[in-house]
Amino acid sequence: MQLQESPVSRNPFYLMFRLGVTVQHLGQKLEQNAGLSLTQWAILKRLVDQPISTAQSLAESVGIQPATLTQALKRLERKRFIYLGKDRSDLRKKVLSVTRLGKETMDQADEWLNQKIQEHELGREDVQKLWEKLSQIT
């Protein structure tokens, strides 16, 4: 989708707003195609990379608020994509791990996302640069 050229469309903050809207639309399509929101995908991806994790370390590494994590974990557990168990060394903490169904669903989501990236020739370096620049503002 091409933006019509105007003084507003040349404003970097307007373009960032449009980027946010586009990411939301991508998340909606991911949910339709793979049954995962972008937040749920990020959580599963992180848990697959580090199979057993605490909720606190997960929230920090994904970059979301604990309340957002709690809601996402409840949805993932209801879908049977994750398992929440007790930490044997500290019973106040919960340990999270991905189920086989969760891994399969995350793999399906990855496949769909990678297909979109290839279709639109979006490279990792492009996204990394954009993220680094935007994260300096926030």
Protein backbone atom coordinates (compact mmCIF):
# COMPACT_ATOMS: atom_id res chain seq x y z
CA MET A 1 0.00 0.00 0.00
CA GLN A 2 1.40 3.37 -1.06
CA LEU A 3 0.87 6.53 1.00
CA GLN A 4 -0.38 9.54 -0.91
CA GLU A 5 2.22 12.29 -0.83
CA SER A 6 1.22 15.17 1.43
CA PRO A 7 2.80 17.27 4.17
CA VAL A 8 1.28 14.92 6.77
CA SER A 9 2.58 11.78 5.06
CA ARG A 10 6.12 13.18 5.11
CA ASN A 11 6.01 13.61 8.90
CA PRO A 12 8.10 10.83 10.52
CA PHE A 13 5.69 10.46 13.45
CA TYR A 14 2.76 10.02 11.09
CA LEU A 15 4.72 7.31 9.30
CA MET A 16 5.43 5.64 12.65
CA PHE A 17 1.71 5.76 13.40
CA ARG A 18 1.01 4.11 10.06
CA LEU A 19 3.68 1.51 10.81
CA GLY A 20 1.92 0.70 14.09
CA VAL A 21 -1.42 0.31 12.31
CA THR A 22 0.21 -1.94 9.72
CA VAL A 23 1.76 -4.12 12.43
CA GLN A 24 -1.70 -4.42 14.05
CA HIS A 25 -3.14 -5.57 10.72
CA LEU A 26 -0.30 -8.07 10.35
CA GLY A 27 -1.12 -9.38 13.83
CA GLN A 28 -4.78 -9.79 12.90
CA LYS A 29 -3.84 -11.76 9.78
CA LEU A 30 -1.44 -13.91 11.78
CA GLU A 31 -4.22 -14.69 14.23
CA GLN A 32 -6.55 -15.64 11.36
CA ASN A 33 -3.94 -17.86 9.71
CA ALA A 34 -2.16 -19.44 12.69
CA GLY A 35 -4.39 -18.82 15.70
CA LEU A 36 -1.80 -16.67 17.51
CA SER A 37 -1.56 -12.97 18.23
CA LEU A 38 1.85 -11.35 17.71
CA THR A 39 2.27 -11.18 21.50
CA GLN A 40 1.44 -14.87 21.87
CA TRP A 41 3.81 -15.70 19.01
CA ALA A 42 6.63 -13.73 20.67
CA ILE A 43 6.04 -15.50 23.98
CA LEU A 44 6.04 -18.95 22.36
CA LYS A 45 9.12 -18.07 20.30
CA ARG A 46 10.98 -17.02 23.44
CA LEU A 47 9.89 -20.14 25.34
CA VAL A 48 11.02 -22.39 22.48
CA ASP A 49 14.42 -20.68 22.52
CA GLN A 50 14.63 -21.07 26.31
CA PRO A 51 12.34 -24.00 27.14
CA ILE A 52 11.79 -23.37 30.84
CA SER A 53 11.40 -19.79 31.96
CA THR A 54 9.84 -17.79 34.76
CA ALA A 55 7.09 -15.27 34.04
CA GLN A 56 9.25 -12.37 35.24
CA SER A 57 12.18 -13.18 32.95
CA LEU A 58 9.78 -13.81 30.08
CA ALA A 59 8.05 -10.42 30.46
CA GLU A 60 11.42 -8.68 30.55
CA SER A 61 12.85 -10.48 27.52
CA VAL A 62 9.71 -10.03 25.38
CA GLY A 63 9.39 -6.40 26.48
CA ILE A 64 5.82 -6.43 27.75
CA GLN A 65 4.14 -5.46 31.00
CA PRO A 66 3.41 -8.22 33.54
CA ALA A 67 -0.36 -7.65 33.21
CA THR A 68 -0.14 -8.13 29.43
CA LEU A 69 1.91 -11.27 29.96
CA THR A 70 -0.60 -12.66 32.45
CA GLN A 71 -3.48 -12.28 30.00
CA ALA A 72 -1.48 -13.78 27.12
CA LEU A 73 -0.37 -16.73 29.27
CA LYS A 74 -3.96 -17.45 30.28
CA ARG A 75 -4.98 -17.55 26.62
CA LEU A 76 -2.01 -19.74 25.69
CA GLU A 77 -2.76 -22.13 28.53
CA ARG A 78 -6.45 -22.32 27.55
CA LYS A 79 -5.37 -23.22 24.01
CA ARG A 80 -3.01 -25.83 25.53
CA PHE A 81 0.02 -24.18 23.91
CA ILE A 82 1.92 -23.83 27.20
CA TYR A 83 2.17 -25.59 30.54
CA LEU A 84 2.38 -23.64 33.80
CA GLY A 85 3.98 -25.52 36.64
CA LYS A 86 5.48 -24.74 40.04
CA ASP A 87 9.15 -23.84 40.37
CA ARG A 88 10.60 -26.57 42.59
CA SER A 89 13.17 -24.21 44.08
CA ASP A 90 10.64 -21.44 44.83
CA LEU A 91 6.99 -22.53 45.07
CA ARG A 92 5.80 -18.91 44.76
CA LYS A 93 7.04 -18.82 41.15
CA LYS A 94 5.60 -20.51 38.10
CA VAL A 95 7.68 -22.22 35.46
CA LEU A 96 6.51 -22.02 31.86
CA SER A 97 7.12 -24.46 29.03
CA VAL A 98 5.76 -24.95 25.52
CA THR A 99 3.63 -27.99 24.74
CA ARG A 100 3.99 -29.99 21.53
CA LEU A 101 0.82 -28.32 20.20
CA GLY A 102 2.25 -24.92 21.08
CA LYS A 103 5.48 -25.69 19.22
CA GLU A 104 3.58 -26.92 16.16
CA THR A 105 1.39 -23.81 16.17
CA MET A 106 4.40 -21.52 16.58
CA ASP A 107 6.14 -23.29 13.70
CA GLN A 108 3.04 -22.76 11.54
CA ALA A 109 3.00 -19.06 12.48
CA ASP A 110 6.73 -18.80 11.70
CA GLU A 111 6.15 -20.36 8.30
CA TRP A 112 3.36 -17.88 7.53
CA LEU A 113 5.42 -14.89 8.72
CA ASN A 114 8.51 -16.00 6.77
CA GLN A 115 6.40 -16.40 3.64
CA LYS A 116 5.15 -12.81 4.03
CA ILE A 117 8.69 -11.54 4.58
CA GLN A 118 9.95 -13.31 1.46
CA GLU A 119 6.99 -12.15 -0.65
CA HIS A 120 7.73 -8.55 0.25
CA GLU A 121 11.54 -8.81 0.25
CA LEU A 122 11.81 -7.51 3.79
CA GLY A 123 15.21 -8.29 5.20
CA ARG A 124 16.13 -8.83 8.83
CA GLU A 125 18.68 -6.02 8.62
CA ASP A 126 15.97 -3.57 7.48
CA VAL A 127 13.77 -4.43 10.43
CA GLN A 128 16.71 -4.42 12.87
CA LYS A 129 17.76 -0.91 11.78
CA LEU A 130 14.21 0.40 12.06
CA TRP A 131 13.77 -1.17 15.51
CA GLU A 132 17.09 0.27 16.75
CA LYS A 133 16.18 3.77 15.54
CA LEU A 134 12.66 3.66 17.01
CA SER A 135 13.83 2.19 20.32
CA GLN A 136 16.14 5.18 20.77
CA ILE A 137 13.10 7.45 20.80
CA THR A 138 11.16 5.53 23.42
